[in-house]
All heavy atoms as atom14 arrays in JSON, in Angstrom:
{
  "sequence": "WVPARINFTSLARPDQLGSGISGIATLFHEGGHAAHFANI",
  "atom14_mask": [
    [1, 1, 1, 1, 1, 1, 1, 1, 1, 1, 1, 1, 1, 1],
    [1, 1, 1, 1, 1, 1, 1, 0, 0, 0, 0, 0, 0, 0],
    [1, 1, 1, 1, 1, 1, 1, 0, 0, 0, 0, 0, 0, 0],
    [1, 1, 1, 1, 1, 0, 0, 0, 0, 0, 0, 0, 0, 0],
    [1, 1, 1, 1, 1, 1, 1, 1, 1, 1, 1, 0, 0, 0],
    [1, 1, 1, 1, 1, 1, 1, 1, 0, 0, 0, 0, 0, 0],
    [1, 1, 1, 1, 1, 1, 1, 1, 0, 0, 0, 0, 0, 0],
    [1, 1, 1, 1, 1, 1, 1, 1, 1, 1, 1, 0, 0, 0],
    [1, 1, 1, 1, 1, 1, 1, 0, 0, 0, 0, 0, 0, 0],
    [1, 1, 1, 1, 1, 1, 0, 0, 0, 0, 0, 0, 0, 0],
    [1, 1, 1, 1, 1, 1, 1, 1, 0, 0, 0, 0, 0, 0],
    [1, 1, 1, 1, 1, 0, 0, 0, 0, 0, 0, 0, 0, 0],
    [1, 1, 1, 1, 1, 1, 1, 1, 1, 1, 1, 0, 0, 0],
    [1, 1, 1, 1, 1, 1, 1, 0, 0, 0, 0, 0, 0, 0],
    [1, 1, 1, 1, 1, 1, 1, 1, 0, 0, 0, 0, 0, 0],
    [1, 1, 1, 1, 1, 1, 1, 1, 1, 0, 0, 0, 0, 0],
    [1, 1, 1, 1, 1, 1, 1, 1, 0, 0, 0, 0, 0, 0],
    [1, 1, 1, 1, 0, 0, 0, 0, 0, 0, 0, 0, 0, 0],
    [1, 1, 1, 1, 1, 1, 0, 0, 0, 0, 0, 0, 0, 0],
    [1, 1, 1, 1, 0, 0, 0, 0, 0, 0, 0, 0, 0, 0],
    [1, 1, 1, 1, 1, 1, 1, 1, 0, 0, 0, 0, 0, 0],
    [1, 1, 1, 1, 1, 1, 0, 0, 0, 0, 0, 0, 0, 0],
    [1, 1, 1, 1, 0, 0, 0, 0, 0, 0, 0, 0, 0, 0],
    [1, 1, 1, 1, 1, 1, 1, 1, 0, 0, 0, 0, 0, 0],
    [1, 1, 1, 1, 1, 0, 0, 0, 0, 0, 0, 0, 0, 0],
    [1, 1, 1, 1, 1, 1, 1, 0, 0, 0, 0, 0, 0, 0],
    [1, 1, 1, 1, 1, 1, 1, 1, 0, 0, 0, 0, 0, 0],
    [1, 1, 1, 1, 1, 1, 1, 1, 1, 1, 1, 0, 0, 0],
    [1, 1, 1, 1, 1, 1, 1, 1, 1, 1, 0, 0, 0, 0],
    [1, 1, 1, 1, 1, 1, 1, 1, 1, 0, 0, 0, 0, 0],
    [1, 1, 1, 1, 0, 0, 0, 0, 0, 0, 0, 0, 0, 0],
    [1, 1, 1, 1, 0, 0, 0, 0, 0, 0, 0, 0, 0, 0],
    [1, 1, 1, 1, 1, 1, 1, 1, 1, 1, 0, 0, 0, 0],
    [1, 1, 1, 1, 1, 0, 0, 0, 0, 0, 0, 0, 0, 0],
    [1, 1, 1, 1, 1, 0, 0, 0, 0, 0, 0, 0, 0, 0],
    [1, 1, 1, 1, 1, 1, 1, 1, 1, 1, 0, 0, 0, 0],
    [1, 1, 1, 1, 1, 1, 1, 1, 1, 1, 1, 0, 0, 0],
    [1, 1, 1, 1, 1, 0, 0, 0, 0, 0, 0, 0, 0, 0],
    [1, 1, 1, 1, 1, 1, 1, 1, 0, 0, 0, 0, 0, 0],
    [1, 1, 1, 1, 1, 1, 1, 1, 0, 0, 0, 0, 0, 0]
  ],
  "atom14_positions": [
    [[-1.13, -6.6, -24.16], [-1.07, -6.47, -22.7], [-2.04, -5.41, -22.2], [-2.05, -4.27, -22.67], [0.35, -6.12, -22.27], [0.52, -5.9, -20.79], [0.9, -4.75, -20.17], [0.31, -6.86, -19.76], [0.94, -4.93, -18.81], [0.59, -6.23, -18.52], [-0.08, -8.2, -19.76], [0.48, -6.88, -17.3], [-0.2, -8.86, -18.53], [0.09, -8.21, -17.32]],
    [[-2.88, -5.8, -21.22], [-3.78, -4.88, -20.53], [-3.21, -4.66, -19.13], [-3.28, -5.55, -18.29], [-5.21, -5.43, -20.44], [-6.11, -4.49, -19.64], [-5.79, -5.67, -21.83], [0.0, 0.0, 0.0], [0.0, 0.0, 0.0], [0.0, 0.0, 0.0], [0.0, 0.0, 0.0], [0.0, 0.0, 0.0], [0.0, 0.0, 0.0], [0.0, 0.0, 0.0]],
    [[-2.58, -3.51, -18.86], [-1.99, -3.3, -17.54], [-3.06, -3.13, -16.47], [-4.19, -2.7, -16.76], [-1.16, -2.03, -17.71], [-1.81, -1.31, -18.85], [-2.36, -2.35, -19.77], [0.0, 0.0, 0.0], [0.0, 0.0, 0.0], [0.0, 0.0, 0.0], [0.0, 0.0, 0.0], [0.0, 0.0, 0.0], [0.0, 0.0, 0.0], [0.0, 0.0, 0.0]],
    [[-2.69, -3.45, -15.25], [-3.64, -3.35, -14.14], [-3.9, -1.89, -13.78], [-3.06, -1.02, -13.96], [-3.08, -4.09, -12.93], [0.0, 0.0, 0.0], [0.0, 0.0, 0.0], [0.0, 0.0, 0.0], [0.0, 0.0, 0.0], [0.0, 0.0, 0.0], [0.0, 0.0, 0.0], [0.0, 0.0, 0.0], [0.0, 0.0, 0.0], [0.0, 0.0, 0.0]],
    [[-5.1, -1.65, -13.28], [-5.42, -0.41, -12.58], [-5.74, -0.78, -11.15], [-6.62, -1.61, -10.89], [-6.62, 0.3, -13.23], [-6.24, 1.19, -14.4], [-7.44, 1.94, -14.94], [-8.17, 2.63, -13.88], [-9.41, 3.09, -14.02], [-10.07, 2.91, -15.16], [-10.0, 3.71, -13.03], [0.0, 0.0, 0.0], [0.0, 0.0, 0.0], [0.0, 0.0, 0.0]],
    [[-5.01, -0.16, -10.23], [-5.03, -0.61, -8.83], [-5.25, 0.56, -7.9], [-4.66, 1.64, -8.06], [-3.7, -1.33, -8.5], [-3.64, -2.69, -9.22], [-3.52, -1.51, -7.0], [-2.3, -3.35, -9.18], [0.0, 0.0, 0.0], [0.0, 0.0, 0.0], [0.0, 0.0, 0.0], [0.0, 0.0, 0.0], [0.0, 0.0, 0.0], [0.0, 0.0, 0.0]],
    [[-6.1, 0.36, -6.89], [-6.3, 1.32, -5.81], [-5.89, 0.68, -4.5], [-6.24, -0.47, -4.23], [-7.78, 1.72, -5.7], [-8.3, 2.39, -6.95], [-7.66, 3.25, -7.51], [-9.49, 1.98, -7.39], [0.0, 0.0, 0.0], [0.0, 0.0, 0.0], [0.0, 0.0, 0.0], [0.0, 0.0, 0.0], [0.0, 0.0, 0.0], [0.0, 0.0, 0.0]],
    [[-5.12, 1.41, -3.69], [-4.96, 0.92, -2.33], [-4.89, 2.06, -1.33], [-4.64, 3.21, -1.67], [-3.81, -0.08, -2.18], [-2.4, 0.4, -2.32], [-1.73, 0.98, -1.26], [-1.7, 0.21, -3.51], [-0.41, 1.37, -1.36], [-0.38, 0.59, -3.63], [0.27, 1.18, -2.56], [0.0, 0.0, 0.0], [0.0, 0.0, 0.0], [0.0, 0.0, 0.0]],
    [[-5.18, 1.7, -0.09], [-5.44, 2.72, 0.92], [-4.87, 2.33, 2.27], [-4.68, 1.15, 2.56], [-6.96, 2.93, 1.06], [-7.23, 3.92, 2.05], [-7.68, 1.66, 1.42], [0.0, 0.0, 0.0], [0.0, 0.0, 0.0], [0.0, 0.0, 0.0], [0.0, 0.0, 0.0], [0.0, 0.0, 0.0], [0.0, 0.0, 0.0], [0.0, 0.0, 0.0]],
    [[-4.57, 3.35, 3.06], [-4.22, 3.16, 4.48], [-4.91, 4.26, 5.27], [-5.61, 5.1, 4.71], [-2.71, 3.19, 4.7], [-2.19, 4.49, 4.45], [0.0, 0.0, 0.0], [0.0, 0.0, 0.0], [0.0, 0.0, 0.0], [0.0, 0.0, 0.0], [0.0, 0.0, 0.0], [0.0, 0.0, 0.0], [0.0, 0.0, 0.0], [0.0, 0.0, 0.0]],
    [[-4.7, 4.26, 6.58], [-5.4, 5.2, 7.45], [-4.42, 5.91, 8.38], [-4.54, 5.88, 9.6], [-6.47, 4.46, 8.27], [-7.6, 3.91, 7.39], [-8.05, 2.56, 7.88], [-8.77, 4.88, 7.4], [0.0, 0.0, 0.0], [0.0, 0.0, 0.0], [0.0, 0.0, 0.0], [0.0, 0.0, 0.0], [0.0, 0.0, 0.0], [0.0, 0.0, 0.0]],
    [[-3.46, 6.57, 7.79], [-2.42, 7.21, 8.59], [-2.89, 8.55, 9.14], [-3.57, 9.32, 8.45], [-1.17, 7.42, 7.75], [0.0, 0.0, 0.0], [0.0, 0.0, 0.0], [0.0, 0.0, 0.0], [0.0, 0.0, 0.0], [0.0, 0.0, 0.0], [0.0, 0.0, 0.0], [0.0, 0.0, 0.0], [0.0, 0.0, 0.0], [0.0, 0.0, 0.0]],
    [[-2.5, 8.81, 10.36], [-2.64, 10.14, 10.96], [-1.23, 10.57, 11.32], [-0.69, 10.2, 12.37], [-3.54, 10.09, 12.2], [-3.7, 11.46, 12.84], [-4.63, 11.39, 14.04], [-4.52, 12.62, 14.84], [-5.22, 12.84, 15.93], [-6.08, 11.94, 16.36], [-5.06, 13.96, 16.6], [0.0, 0.0, 0.0], [0.0, 0.0, 0.0], [0.0, 0.0, 0.0]],
    [[-0.57, 11.32, 10.44], [0.87, 11.55, 10.58], [1.31, 12.23, 11.86], [2.5, 12.16, 12.2], [1.2, 12.42, 9.36], [0.19, 12.01, 8.35], [-1.06, 11.81, 9.16], [0.0, 0.0, 0.0], [0.0, 0.0, 0.0], [0.0, 0.0, 0.0], [0.0, 0.0, 0.0], [0.0, 0.0, 0.0], [0.0, 0.0, 0.0], [0.0, 0.0, 0.0]],
    [[0.42, 12.9, 12.58], [0.84, 13.54, 13.83], [0.66, 12.62, 15.04], [0.84, 13.05, 16.18], [0.07, 14.85, 14.05], [-1.44, 14.65, 14.07], [-1.9, 13.54, 13.76], [-2.15, 15.62, 14.38], [0.0, 0.0, 0.0], [0.0, 0.0, 0.0], [0.0, 0.0, 0.0], [0.0, 0.0, 0.0], [0.0, 0.0, 0.0], [0.0, 0.0, 0.0]],
    [[0.34, 11.36, 14.8], [0.17, 10.41, 15.89], [1.39, 9.51, 15.99], [1.94, 9.07, 14.97], [-1.08, 9.56, 15.67], [-1.43, 8.66, 16.85], [-2.75, 7.92, 16.62], [-3.04, 7.5, 15.51], [-3.54, 7.76, 17.65], [0.0, 0.0, 0.0], [0.0, 0.0, 0.0], [0.0, 0.0, 0.0], [0.0, 0.0, 0.0], [0.0, 0.0, 0.0]],
    [[1.85, 9.26, 17.22], [3.01, 8.4, 17.46], [2.8, 7.04, 16.8], [1.76, 6.42, 16.95], [3.23, 8.22, 18.96], [4.4, 7.32, 19.37], [5.72, 7.98, 19.01], [4.34, 7.02, 20.87], [0.0, 0.0, 0.0], [0.0, 0.0, 0.0], [0.0, 0.0, 0.0], [0.0, 0.0, 0.0], [0.0, 0.0, 0.0], [0.0, 0.0, 0.0]],
    [[3.79, 6.6, 16.06], [3.72, 5.29, 15.42], [3.11, 5.3, 14.04], [3.05, 4.26, 13.38], [0.0, 0.0, 0.0], [0.0, 0.0, 0.0], [0.0, 0.0, 0.0], [0.0, 0.0, 0.0], [0.0, 0.0, 0.0], [0.0, 0.0, 0.0], [0.0, 0.0, 0.0], [0.0, 0.0, 0.0], [0.0, 0.0, 0.0], [0.0, 0.0, 0.0]],
    [[2.66, 6.48, 13.58], [1.98, 6.54, 12.28], [2.94, 6.21, 11.14], [2.54, 5.61, 10.13], [1.36, 7.92, 12.05], [2.36, 8.92, 11.96], [0.0, 0.0, 0.0], [0.0, 0.0, 0.0], [0.0, 0.0, 0.0], [0.0, 0.0, 0.0], [0.0, 0.0, 0.0], [0.0, 0.0, 0.0], [0.0, 0.0, 0.0], [0.0, 0.0, 0.0]],
    [[4.19, 6.61, 11.26], [5.15, 6.31, 10.2], [5.41, 4.82, 10.08], [5.48, 4.28, 8.97], [0.0, 0.0, 0.0], [0.0, 0.0, 0.0], [0.0, 0.0, 0.0], [0.0, 0.0, 0.0], [0.0, 0.0, 0.0], [0.0, 0.0, 0.0], [0.0, 0.0, 0.0], [0.0, 0.0, 0.0], [0.0, 0.0, 0.0], [0.0, 0.0, 0.0]],
    [[5.53, 4.15, 11.22], [5.77, 2.71, 11.21], [4.58, 1.97, 10.62], [4.73, 1.11, 9.75], [6.07, 2.23, 12.65], [7.34, 2.89, 13.17], [6.17, 0.7, 12.7], [7.59, 2.67, 14.65], [0.0, 0.0, 0.0], [0.0, 0.0, 0.0], [0.0, 0.0, 0.0], [0.0, 0.0, 0.0], [0.0, 0.0, 0.0], [0.0, 0.0, 0.0]],
    [[3.37, 2.31, 11.07], [2.18, 1.65, 10.53], [1.95, 2.05, 9.08], [1.49, 1.23, 8.27], [0.96, 1.97, 11.39], [0.68, 3.36, 11.39], [0.0, 0.0, 0.0], [0.0, 0.0, 0.0], [0.0, 0.0, 0.0], [0.0, 0.0, 0.0], [0.0, 0.0, 0.0], [0.0, 0.0, 0.0], [0.0, 0.0, 0.0], [0.0, 0.0, 0.0]],
    [[2.28, 3.3, 8.72], [2.08, 3.75, 7.35], [2.95, 3.01, 6.36], [2.49, 2.6, 5.29], [0.0, 0.0, 0.0], [0.0, 0.0, 0.0], [0.0, 0.0, 0.0], [0.0, 0.0, 0.0], [0.0, 0.0, 0.0], [0.0, 0.0, 0.0], [0.0, 0.0, 0.0], [0.0, 0.0, 0.0], [0.0, 0.0, 0.0], [0.0, 0.0, 0.0]],
    [[4.22, 2.85, 6.7], [5.11, 2.15, 5.77], [4.78, 0.66, 5.71], [4.91, 0.02, 4.66], [6.6, 2.39, 6.12], [7.47, 1.99, 4.92], [7.02, 1.64, 7.37], [8.9, 2.44, 5.03], [0.0, 0.0, 0.0], [0.0, 0.0, 0.0], [0.0, 0.0, 0.0], [0.0, 0.0, 0.0], [0.0, 0.0, 0.0], [0.0, 0.0, 0.0]],
    [[4.29, 0.11, 6.83], [3.87, -1.3, 6.81], [2.71, -1.48, 5.83], [2.66, -2.47, 5.09], [3.47, -1.74, 8.21], [0.0, 0.0, 0.0], [0.0, 0.0, 0.0], [0.0, 0.0, 0.0], [0.0, 0.0, 0.0], [0.0, 0.0, 0.0], [0.0, 0.0, 0.0], [0.0, 0.0, 0.0], [0.0, 0.0, 0.0], [0.0, 0.0, 0.0]],
    [[1.78, -0.53, 5.81], [0.66, -0.63, 4.87], [1.13, -0.49, 3.44], [0.67, -1.2, 2.54], [-0.4, 0.45, 5.19], [-0.86, 0.26, 6.52], [-1.57, 0.36, 4.23], [0.0, 0.0, 0.0], [0.0, 0.0, 0.0], [0.0, 0.0, 0.0], [0.0, 0.0, 0.0], [0.0, 0.0, 0.0], [0.0, 0.0, 0.0], [0.0, 0.0, 0.0]],
    [[2.08, 0.44, 3.18], [2.6, 0.59, 1.83], [3.26, -0.7, 1.34], [3.06, -1.11, 0.19], [3.62, 1.74, 1.8], [3.05, 3.15, 1.72], [4.13, 4.17, 2.03], [2.45, 3.42, 0.35], [0.0, 0.0, 0.0], [0.0, 0.0, 0.0], [0.0, 0.0, 0.0], [0.0, 0.0, 0.0], [0.0, 0.0, 0.0], [0.0, 0.0, 0.0]],
    [[4.04, -1.34, 2.18], [4.69, -2.59, 1.77], [3.67, -3.71, 1.61], [3.77, -4.52, 0.67], [5.76, -3.0, 2.8], [7.12, -2.42, 2.49], [7.33, -1.04, 2.48], [8.2, -3.24, 2.21], [8.57, -0.51, 2.21], [9.45, -2.72, 1.93], [9.64, -1.34, 1.92], [0.0, 0.0, 0.0], [0.0, 0.0, 0.0], [0.0, 0.0, 0.0]],
    [[2.68, -3.74, 2.5], [1.69, -4.82, 2.44], [0.79, -4.67, 1.21], [0.71, -5.57, 0.37], [0.85, -4.83, 3.72], [-0.12, -5.96, 3.79], [0.17, -7.14, 4.42], [-1.39, -6.1, 3.31], [-0.86, -7.96, 4.32], [-1.83, -7.36, 3.65], [0.0, 0.0, 0.0], [0.0, 0.0, 0.0], [0.0, 0.0, 0.0], [0.0, 0.0, 0.0]],
    [[0.12, -3.52, 1.12], [-0.78, -3.32, -0.01], [0.0, -3.18, -1.32], [-0.47, -3.59, -2.38], [-1.67, -2.09, 0.22], [-2.46, -2.1, 1.53], [-3.35, -3.32, 1.71], [-3.65, -4.0, 0.71], [-3.75, -3.61, 2.86], [0.0, 0.0, 0.0], [0.0, 0.0, 0.0], [0.0, 0.0, 0.0], [0.0, 0.0, 0.0], [0.0, 0.0, 0.0]],
    [[1.22, -2.61, -1.24], [2.07, -2.55, -2.42], [2.5, -3.93, -2.87], [2.7, -4.17, -4.07], [0.0, 0.0, 0.0], [0.0, 0.0, 0.0], [0.0, 0.0, 0.0], [0.0, 0.0, 0.0], [0.0, 0.0, 0.0], [0.0, 0.0, 0.0], [0.0, 0.0, 0.0], [0.0, 0.0, 0.0], [0.0, 0.0, 0.0], [0.0, 0.0, 0.0]],
    [[2.65, -4.86, -1.94], [2.94, -6.25, -2.3], [1.78, -6.89, -3.04], [1.97, -7.61, -4.02], [0.0, 0.0, 0.0], [0.0, 0.0, 0.0], [0.0, 0.0, 0.0], [0.0, 0.0, 0.0], [0.0, 0.0, 0.0], [0.0, 0.0, 0.0], [0.0, 0.0, 0.0], [0.0, 0.0, 0.0], [0.0, 0.0, 0.0], [0.0, 0.0, 0.0]],
    [[0.56, -6.62, -2.54], [-0.62, -7.08, -3.28], [-0.63, -6.5, -4.69], [-0.9, -7.2, -5.67], [-1.9, -6.62, -2.56], [-2.32, -7.47, -1.42], [-2.43, -8.84, -1.51], [-2.72, -7.14, -0.15], [-2.86, -9.33, -0.35], [-3.03, -8.32, 0.48], [0.0, 0.0, 0.0], [0.0, 0.0, 0.0], [0.0, 0.0, 0.0], [0.0, 0.0, 0.0]],
    [[-0.36, -5.2, -4.78], [-0.39, -4.53, -6.09], [0.63, -5.15, -7.04], [0.32, -5.38, -8.23], [-0.12, -3.03, -5.91], [0.0, 0.0, 0.0], [0.0, 0.0, 0.0], [0.0, 0.0, 0.0], [0.0, 0.0, 0.0], [0.0, 0.0, 0.0], [0.0, 0.0, 0.0], [0.0, 0.0, 0.0], [0.0, 0.0, 0.0], [0.0, 0.0, 0.0]],
    [[1.83, -5.43, -6.56], [2.85, -6.03, -7.41], [2.4, -7.4, -7.9], [2.58, -7.76, -9.08], [4.17, -6.15, -6.64], [0.0, 0.0, 0.0], [0.0, 0.0, 0.0], [0.0, 0.0, 0.0], [0.0, 0.0, 0.0], [0.0, 0.0, 0.0], [0.0, 0.0, 0.0], [0.0, 0.0, 0.0], [0.0, 0.0, 0.0], [0.0, 0.0, 0.0]],
    [[1.81, -8.17, -7.01], [1.3, -9.5, -7.38], [0.3, -9.39, -8.53], [0.47, -10.01, -9.59], [0.66, -10.13, -6.15], [-0.11, -11.38, -6.41], [-1.09, -11.83, -5.56], [-0.07, -12.27, -7.44], [-1.6, -12.94, -6.05], [-1.01, -13.24, -7.17], [0.0, 0.0, 0.0], [0.0, 0.0, 0.0], [0.0, 0.0, 0.0], [0.0, 0.0, 0.0]],
    [[-0.73, -8.57, -8.33], [-1.81, -8.53, -9.32], [-1.43, -7.76, -10.58], [-2.09, -7.9, -11.61], [-3.08, -7.97, -8.69], [-3.74, -8.95, -7.75], [-3.6, -8.83, -6.37], [-4.45, -10.02, -8.25], [-4.17, -9.76, -5.51], [-5.02, -10.96, -7.4], [-4.89, -10.83, -6.03], [0.0, 0.0, 0.0], [0.0, 0.0, 0.0], [0.0, 0.0, 0.0]],
    [[-0.37, -6.97, -10.52], [0.12, -6.29, -11.72], [1.0, -7.19, -12.57], [1.29, -6.87, -13.72], [0.89, -5.03, -11.34], [0.0, 0.0, 0.0], [0.0, 0.0, 0.0], [0.0, 0.0, 0.0], [0.0, 0.0, 0.0], [0.0, 0.0, 0.0], [0.0, 0.0, 0.0], [0.0, 0.0, 0.0], [0.0, 0.0, 0.0], [0.0, 0.0, 0.0]],
    [[1.43, -8.33, -12.02], [2.38, -9.19, -12.71], [1.78, -10.51, -13.19], [2.52, -11.37, -13.67], [3.57, -9.49, -11.79], [4.62, -8.38, -11.82], [5.4, -8.3, -12.75], [4.61, -7.53, -10.81], [0.0, 0.0, 0.0], [0.0, 0.0, 0.0], [0.0, 0.0, 0.0], [0.0, 0.0, 0.0], [0.0, 0.0, 0.0], [0.0, 0.0, 0.0]],
    [[0.49, -10.69, -13.03], [-0.14, -11.93, -13.53], [-0.27, -11.82, -15.05], [-0.91, -10.9, -15.56], [-1.51, -12.14, -12.86], [-1.31, -12.35, -11.34], [-2.23, -13.35, -13.47], [-2.6, -12.36, -10.54], [0.0, 0.0, 0.0], [0.0, 0.0, 0.0], [0.0, 0.0, 0.0], [0.0, 0.0, 0.0], [0.0, 0.0, 0.0], [0.0, 0.0, 0.0]]
  ]
}
C-alpha cells in the first residue's frame, strides 16, 4: 500500500463575519475530496 499525500487549502479570514461558516464548508468539501482520493 502506497498511502496518499494530500494538500488542501482555503482562504479564511477569521476576523471577518461568516468566516467560520465558509471555513468549515471548505474543510468538509476539500476533506471530502481527500477522503475519496485516499481510499482508492
